[in-house]
């Protein structure tokens, strides 16, 4: 293809991948405290680690993305924080279904081994929604991704109960 030619069919997959990689490599949406700028912060209501992106998530995140981009254009230091919720019972159900396929249950493993298995499952399968948002080019500060069971977050919950 010549330099000034346009492809007959637009290849969105190549284009989206190219720009997502460019934005992340250049840390375009990372936020840093800047006393010279007004601050604007949004936290993605944490999607469950057991789910996939649906229309409700997309609508909600599109509105958040519009506000974040608009505030950046107004000169604000914007921090859009991605998060994941552990969905404790839902995650437990998913792990128990996997165990049942092997003819086992959580009691066969004991509490500590079962909890470790849940964490393994989260690492392997969790965050699908965030991966989908990332692929779509949401202007999130991915360096600040949080999980509700991260040590700091769990300690804060216990501290204020």
Protein backbone atom coordinates (compact mmCIF):
# COMPACT_ATOMS: atom_id res chain seq x y z
CA UNK A 1 0.00 0.00 0.00
CA UNK A 2 1.28 3.47 -0.88
CA UNK A 3 1.76 6.13 1.79
CA UNK A 4 -1.20 8.29 0.71
CA UNK A 5 -3.63 5.42 0.17
CA UNK A 6 -6.38 4.52 2.58
CA UNK A 7 -7.33 0.91 3.12
CA UNK A 8 -10.59 -0.11 1.45
CA UNK A 9 -11.92 -1.42 4.76
CA UNK A 10 -11.13 0.20 8.10
CA UNK A 11 -9.40 -2.29 10.39
CA UNK A 12 -10.58 -1.21 13.84
CA UNK A 13 -8.66 -3.96 15.65
CA UNK A 14 -5.28 -2.75 14.40
CA UNK A 15 -6.18 0.89 15.02
CA UNK A 16 -7.51 0.35 18.56
CA UNK A 17 -4.52 -1.82 19.52
CA UNK A 18 -2.07 0.74 18.13
CA UNK A 19 -3.60 3.67 20.00
CA UNK A 20 -4.13 1.80 23.27
CA UNK A 21 -0.48 0.75 23.28
CA UNK A 22 0.61 4.32 22.43
CA UNK A 23 -1.51 5.86 25.22
CA UNK A 24 -0.28 3.39 27.82
CA UNK A 25 3.37 3.50 26.73
CA UNK A 26 3.34 7.30 26.90
CA UNK A 27 1.34 7.32 30.17
CA UNK A 28 -1.12 9.76 28.64
CA UNK A 29 -3.76 9.27 31.34
CA UNK A 30 -1.58 8.84 34.41
CA UNK A 31 -2.34 11.41 37.07
CA UNK A 32 0.15 13.04 39.40
CA UNK A 33 -0.46 15.53 42.21
CA UNK A 34 -0.03 19.00 40.78
CA UNK A 35 -0.66 21.94 43.13
CA UNK A 36 -1.05 24.27 40.14
CA UNK A 37 -4.11 22.40 38.87
CA UNK A 38 -7.59 21.82 40.23
CA UNK A 39 -8.21 18.17 41.00
CA UNK A 40 -10.94 15.94 39.59
CA UNK A 41 -11.24 12.30 40.60
CA UNK A 42 -13.53 9.43 39.66
CA UNK A 43 -13.42 5.83 40.88
CA UNK A 44 -14.92 3.20 38.61
CA UNK A 45 -17.58 1.47 40.68
CA UNK A 46 -15.74 -1.80 41.01
CA UNK A 47 -17.05 -4.46 38.63
CA UNK A 48 -17.07 -8.00 39.92
CA UNK A 49 -14.14 -10.24 39.07
CA UNK A 50 -16.68 -12.80 37.85
CA UNK A 51 -18.33 -10.67 35.18
CA UNK A 52 -17.98 -9.42 31.64
CA UNK A 53 -18.75 -6.01 30.18
CA UNK A 54 -22.45 -5.44 29.46
CA UNK A 55 -24.40 -2.47 28.17
CA UNK A 56 -24.96 -1.01 31.66
CA UNK A 57 -21.21 -1.03 32.40
CA UNK A 58 -20.45 0.46 28.99
CA UNK A 59 -23.03 3.25 29.41
CA UNK A 60 -21.78 4.10 32.91
CA UNK A 61 -18.10 4.07 31.89
CA UNK A 62 -18.75 6.09 28.73
CA UNK A 63 -20.30 8.85 30.84
CA UNK A 64 -17.34 8.73 33.24
CA UNK A 65 -14.89 8.86 30.32
CA UNK A 66 -16.66 11.89 28.82
CA UNK A 67 -16.48 13.77 32.12
CA UNK A 68 -12.81 12.87 32.64
CA UNK A 69 -11.82 13.97 29.13
CA UNK A 70 -13.87 17.16 29.46
CA UNK A 71 -12.23 18.02 32.78
CA UNK A 72 -8.77 17.41 31.27
CA UNK A 73 -9.64 19.85 28.49
CA UNK A 74 -10.57 22.37 31.19
CA UNK A 75 -7.10 22.01 32.73
CA UNK A 76 -7.92 19.77 35.68
CA UNK A 77 -5.54 17.09 36.94
CA UNK A 78 -7.83 14.11 36.45
CA UNK A 79 -7.45 10.81 38.25
CA UNK A 80 -9.80 8.11 36.99
CA UNK A 81 -9.13 5.09 39.17
CA UNK A 82 -9.93 1.56 37.98
CA UNK A 83 -11.04 -0.95 40.56
CA UNK A 84 -12.31 -4.50 40.89
CA UNK A 85 -14.64 -5.92 43.48
CA UNK A 86 -13.95 -9.35 44.88
CA UNK A 87 -17.61 -10.40 44.59
CA UNK A 88 -16.93 -12.77 47.45
CA UNK A 89 -19.95 -15.00 47.21
CA UNK A 90 -20.01 -14.97 43.40
CA UNK A 91 -16.31 -15.85 43.25
CA UNK A 92 -16.78 -18.58 45.84
CA UNK A 93 -19.59 -20.06 43.73
CA UNK A 94 -17.38 -20.07 40.63
CA UNK A 95 -14.55 -21.83 42.48
CA UNK A 96 -16.96 -24.32 44.05
CA UNK A 97 -18.34 -25.16 40.58
CA UNK A 98 -14.80 -25.90 39.39
CA UNK A 99 -14.19 -28.10 42.44
CA UNK A 100 -17.47 -29.95 41.86
CA UNK A 101 -16.25 -30.92 38.37
CA UNK A 102 -13.38 -32.70 40.15
CA UNK A 103 -15.78 -34.32 42.63
CA UNK A 104 -14.56 -32.12 45.50
CA UNK A 105 -15.94 -29.33 47.69
CA UNK A 106 -14.43 -26.53 49.77
CA UNK A 107 -14.52 -28.63 52.94
CA UNK A 108 -12.23 -31.19 51.30
CA UNK A 109 -9.57 -28.49 50.95
CA UNK A 110 -9.83 -26.72 54.29
CA UNK A 111 -10.21 -22.95 54.71
CA UNK A 112 -6.63 -21.83 53.94
CA UNK A 113 -6.31 -23.94 50.79
CA UNK A 114 -9.76 -22.87 49.61
CA UNK A 115 -8.93 -19.17 50.13
CA UNK A 116 -5.69 -19.66 48.19
CA UNK A 117 -7.67 -21.32 45.40
CA UNK A 118 -10.06 -18.36 45.30
CA UNK A 119 -7.09 -15.97 44.97
CA UNK A 120 -5.65 -18.14 42.19
CA UNK A 121 -9.01 -18.07 40.41
CA UNK A 122 -9.16 -14.27 40.74
CA UNK A 123 -5.65 -13.89 39.30
CA UNK A 124 -6.50 -16.14 36.37
CA UNK A 125 -10.07 -15.01 35.59
CA UNK A 126 -10.60 -11.71 37.37
CA UNK A 127 -10.56 -8.31 35.75
CA UNK A 128 -12.19 -9.25 32.45
CA UNK A 129 -14.27 -6.05 32.51
CA UNK A 130 -11.21 -3.89 33.14
CA UNK A 131 -9.35 -5.64 30.32
CA UNK A 132 -12.30 -4.92 28.04
CA UNK A 133 -12.37 -1.25 29.09
CA UNK A 134 -8.63 -1.03 28.50
CA UNK A 135 -9.04 -2.46 25.01
CA UNK A 136 -11.80 0.06 24.28
CA UNK A 137 -9.43 2.92 25.14
CA UNK A 138 -11.03 4.24 28.34
CA UNK A 139 -8.91 7.17 29.61
CA UNK A 140 -8.24 5.49 32.97
CA UNK A 141 -5.04 5.80 35.02
CA UNK A 142 -4.18 2.09 34.83
CA UNK A 143 -1.19 2.55 37.15
CA UNK A 144 -3.65 2.98 40.06
CA UNK A 145 -5.69 -0.19 39.58
CA UNK A 146 -7.08 -1.51 42.89
CA UNK A 147 -8.81 -4.65 44.11
CA UNK A 148 -11.13 -4.60 47.12
CA UNK A 149 -9.11 -7.27 48.90
CA UNK A 150 -5.76 -5.48 48.41
CA UNK A 151 -3.99 -5.21 51.76
CA UNK A 152 -4.42 -1.45 52.17
CA UNK A 153 -8.09 -1.50 51.29
CA UNK A 154 -8.87 -4.47 53.50
CA UNK A 155 -7.09 -2.83 56.46
CA UNK A 156 -9.08 0.38 55.98
CA UNK A 157 -12.35 -1.53 56.00
CA UNK A 158 -11.38 -3.33 59.22
CA UNK A 159 -10.13 -0.09 60.80
CA UNK A 160 -13.40 1.80 60.27
CA UNK A 161 -15.83 -0.95 61.20
